[in-house]
Amino acid sequence: MDRAPVVNIDAILDDPALSDENRHGARIAARMAAVGRALGTSQIGVTLTVTPPGKAAWPRHFHHVNEELFLILSGEATLRYGDAAQTLRPGDMVRIAPGTGIPFQLVNAGDEDLRYLAFSGLAATDVFEYPDSGKIGVVTGGGGPMRGPHGRSFFAPASAEVGYWEGEAED
């Protein structure tokens, strides 16, 4: 009888092929481990995220394509969802629907590391918006250790819109 794929999520944090780190300024810091990739998933992404006290893994944003679920394993988080804030504790699970235009962010509100599993769809292309910095981003074909081989990503000010035919030859 074959054994089912099993991984230890803590061990993946130490594997450079399956882990990554975010750091930016005073508010963003996190270690992440590609649990789903380690297990060989193809339809759902699973990421262990570890965020130190007072930090968030990502800026406040929303997705147009991928749905996300977050399961708090340990620590305490503040879920910033739209204009509201809600406390999350171990065992709490949150669904973030795509295409709502409601930005969200998980911030470590405790005095120990916040550990959570993030589950998401693995649509090959997604569009993100970052209302606090006025950016829009498009990612396609993967990208980085968390999703596999690099595809293409593009981030720009949301105000950098051009017309569909701009720059196209007329001959």
Protein backbone atom coordinates (compact mmCIF):
# COMPACT_ATOMS: atom_id res chain seq x y z
CA MET A 1 0.00 0.00 0.00
CA ASP A 2 1.33 3.45 -0.93
CA ARG A 3 1.71 6.09 1.72
CA ALA A 4 -0.19 9.35 1.40
CA PRO A 5 1.88 12.50 0.82
CA VAL A 6 2.71 13.94 4.23
CA VAL A 7 4.86 16.95 5.11
CA ASN A 8 5.76 18.66 8.35
CA ILE A 9 4.88 22.32 7.86
CA ASP A 10 7.62 23.54 10.20
CA ALA A 11 10.32 21.65 8.27
CA ILE A 12 9.30 23.38 5.03
CA LEU A 13 10.15 26.79 6.54
CA ASP A 14 13.82 25.74 6.46
CA ASP A 15 13.77 24.54 2.84
CA PRO A 16 14.94 27.37 0.52
CA ALA A 17 13.21 25.73 -2.47
CA LEU A 18 9.84 25.88 -0.68
CA SER A 19 10.09 28.97 1.51
CA ASP A 20 10.26 32.71 1.10
CA GLU A 21 10.41 35.82 3.24
CA ASN A 22 8.72 39.22 2.97
CA ARG A 23 10.28 42.31 4.54
CA HIS A 24 9.46 45.89 3.75
CA GLY A 25 9.73 48.91 6.00
CA ALA A 26 8.51 48.80 9.58
CA ARG A 27 5.19 47.01 9.01
CA ILE A 28 5.79 44.05 6.67
CA ALA A 29 7.65 40.93 7.81
CA ALA A 30 6.79 37.26 7.36
CA ARG A 31 8.23 33.84 6.62
CA MET A 32 6.21 31.61 4.34
CA ALA A 33 6.34 27.92 3.41
CA ALA A 34 4.68 26.46 0.30
CA VAL A 35 2.88 23.56 1.95
CA GLY A 36 0.64 22.80 -1.02
CA ARG A 37 3.56 22.76 -3.40
CA ALA A 38 5.46 20.39 -1.08
CA LEU A 39 2.43 18.08 -1.16
CA GLY A 40 2.08 18.36 -4.93
CA THR A 41 -1.29 20.13 -5.04
CA SER A 42 -2.35 21.51 -8.40
CA GLN A 43 -5.75 23.09 -7.73
CA ILE A 44 -5.28 24.73 -4.32
CA GLY A 45 -2.41 26.61 -2.78
CA VAL A 46 -1.60 26.14 0.89
CA THR A 47 0.94 28.39 2.58
CA LEU A 48 2.13 28.47 6.18
CA THR A 49 2.70 32.11 7.13
CA VAL A 50 4.59 33.18 10.25
CA THR A 51 4.41 36.88 11.13
CA PRO A 52 6.18 38.54 14.09
CA PRO A 53 4.32 40.76 16.58
CA GLY A 54 3.04 44.02 15.12
CA LYS A 55 3.73 42.96 11.52
CA ALA A 56 1.69 41.87 8.50
CA ALA A 57 2.75 39.56 5.67
CA TRP A 58 1.31 41.76 2.92
CA PRO A 59 -0.04 45.27 2.40
CA ARG A 60 -3.82 45.67 2.54
CA HIS A 61 -5.18 44.45 -0.82
CA PHE A 62 -7.88 42.53 -2.63
CA HIS A 63 -7.94 39.93 -5.40
CA HIS A 64 -10.06 39.90 -8.53
CA VAL A 65 -9.65 36.16 -9.25
CA ASN A 66 -8.34 33.94 -6.43
CA GLU A 67 -10.46 33.12 -3.40
CA GLU A 68 -8.61 32.78 -0.10
CA LEU A 69 -9.18 31.08 3.26
CA PHE A 70 -7.12 31.72 6.38
CA LEU A 71 -6.93 29.35 9.37
CA ILE A 72 -5.30 30.81 12.49
CA LEU A 73 -3.03 28.18 14.10
CA SER A 74 -1.47 30.22 16.91
CA GLY A 75 -1.20 33.81 18.05
CA GLU A 76 -3.72 36.60 17.69
CA ALA A 77 -4.52 38.56 14.55
CA THR A 78 -6.43 41.66 13.65
CA LEU A 79 -8.30 41.16 10.41
CA ARG A 80 -8.61 44.50 8.66
CA TYR A 81 -11.54 43.98 6.26
CA GLY A 82 -12.76 47.09 4.49
CA ASP A 83 -13.16 49.74 7.18
CA ALA A 84 -13.71 47.21 9.99
CA ALA A 85 -11.28 45.40 12.30
CA GLN A 86 -11.93 42.03 13.92
CA THR A 87 -9.84 39.93 16.34
CA LEU A 88 -8.98 36.38 15.26
CA ARG A 89 -7.70 33.62 17.55
CA PRO A 90 -6.50 30.03 17.05
CA GLY A 91 -9.16 27.95 15.35
CA ASP A 92 -10.78 30.92 13.58
CA MET A 93 -11.10 30.58 9.82
CA VAL A 94 -11.86 33.41 7.42
CA ARG A 95 -13.00 33.38 3.79
CA ILE A 96 -12.03 36.25 1.51
CA ALA A 97 -14.10 36.20 -1.68
CA PRO A 98 -12.54 37.50 -4.90
CA GLY A 99 -13.93 40.39 -6.90
CA THR A 100 -15.60 42.20 -3.99
CA GLY A 101 -13.35 45.26 -4.03
CA ILE A 102 -13.04 44.96 -0.24
CA PRO A 103 -9.38 45.20 0.86
CA PHE A 104 -8.10 43.03 3.69
CA GLN A 105 -4.98 42.42 5.75
CA LEU A 106 -4.03 40.18 8.67
CA VAL A 107 -1.85 41.95 11.28
CA ASN A 108 -0.23 40.19 14.23
CA ALA A 109 -1.93 41.77 17.26
CA GLY A 110 -0.25 39.60 19.89
CA ASP A 111 3.13 39.36 21.58
CA GLU A 112 4.14 36.06 19.96
CA ASP A 113 4.45 34.92 16.35
CA LEU A 114 1.18 34.70 14.44
CA ARG A 115 0.99 31.40 12.52
CA TYR A 116 -1.70 30.72 9.98
CA LEU A 117 -2.43 28.60 6.94
CA ALA A 118 -3.50 30.48 3.82
CA PHE A 119 -5.48 28.48 1.26
CA SER A 120 -6.06 29.93 -2.19
CA GLY A 121 -7.13 29.05 -5.68
CA LEU A 122 -4.28 28.62 -8.13
CA ALA A 123 -5.66 30.52 -11.09
CA ALA A 124 -2.77 31.10 -13.48
CA THR A 125 -3.57 34.81 -13.62
CA ASP A 126 -4.76 37.13 -10.87
CA VAL A 127 -5.23 40.88 -10.52
CA PHE A 128 -4.58 42.61 -7.18
CA GLU A 129 -5.38 46.13 -6.02
CA TYR A 130 -3.64 47.97 -3.19
CA PRO A 131 -5.84 50.92 -2.16
CA ASP A 132 -3.42 52.36 0.42
CA SER A 133 -0.64 52.82 -2.15
CA GLY A 134 -2.86 53.23 -5.21
CA LYS A 135 -1.29 50.28 -7.07
CA ILE A 136 -2.68 47.57 -9.27
CA GLY A 137 -0.85 44.33 -10.02
CA VAL A 138 -1.17 41.47 -12.46
CA VAL A 139 0.56 38.12 -11.96
CA THR A 140 0.46 35.33 -14.50
CA GLY A 141 2.09 31.92 -14.84
CA GLY A 142 3.29 31.49 -11.27
CA GLY A 143 6.10 33.41 -9.71
CA GLY A 144 8.71 32.69 -7.06
CA PRO A 145 9.19 29.80 -4.66
CA MET A 146 5.61 29.99 -3.43
CA ARG A 147 3.99 29.16 -6.80
CA GLY A 148 6.72 27.57 -8.87
CA PRO A 149 8.42 28.73 -12.06
CA HIS A 150 8.42 32.45 -12.69
CA GLY A 151 5.78 33.87 -14.94
CA ARG A 152 5.25 37.55 -15.36
CA SER A 153 4.24 40.12 -12.79
CA PHE A 154 3.50 43.78 -13.28
CA PHE A 155 2.69 46.42 -10.67
CA ALA A 156 1.93 50.06 -11.48
CA PRO A 157 0.03 53.04 -10.15
CA ALA A 158 -3.68 52.49 -10.78
CA SER A 159 -3.68 55.94 -12.41
CA ALA A 160 -1.29 54.73 -15.16
CA GLU A 161 -4.16 53.61 -17.36
CA VAL A 162 -3.78 53.88 -21.14
CA GLY A 163 -6.33 53.36 -23.88
CA TYR A 164 -6.59 49.95 -25.53
CA TRP A 165 -5.24 51.18 -28.89
CA GLU A 166 -2.52 53.43 -27.46
CA GLY A 167 0.83 52.75 -29.15
CA GLU A 168 -0.66 50.39 -31.74
CA ALA A 169 0.36 50.95 -35.37
CA GLU A 170 -2.38 52.21 -37.66
CA ASP A 171 -0.94 50.79 -40.90
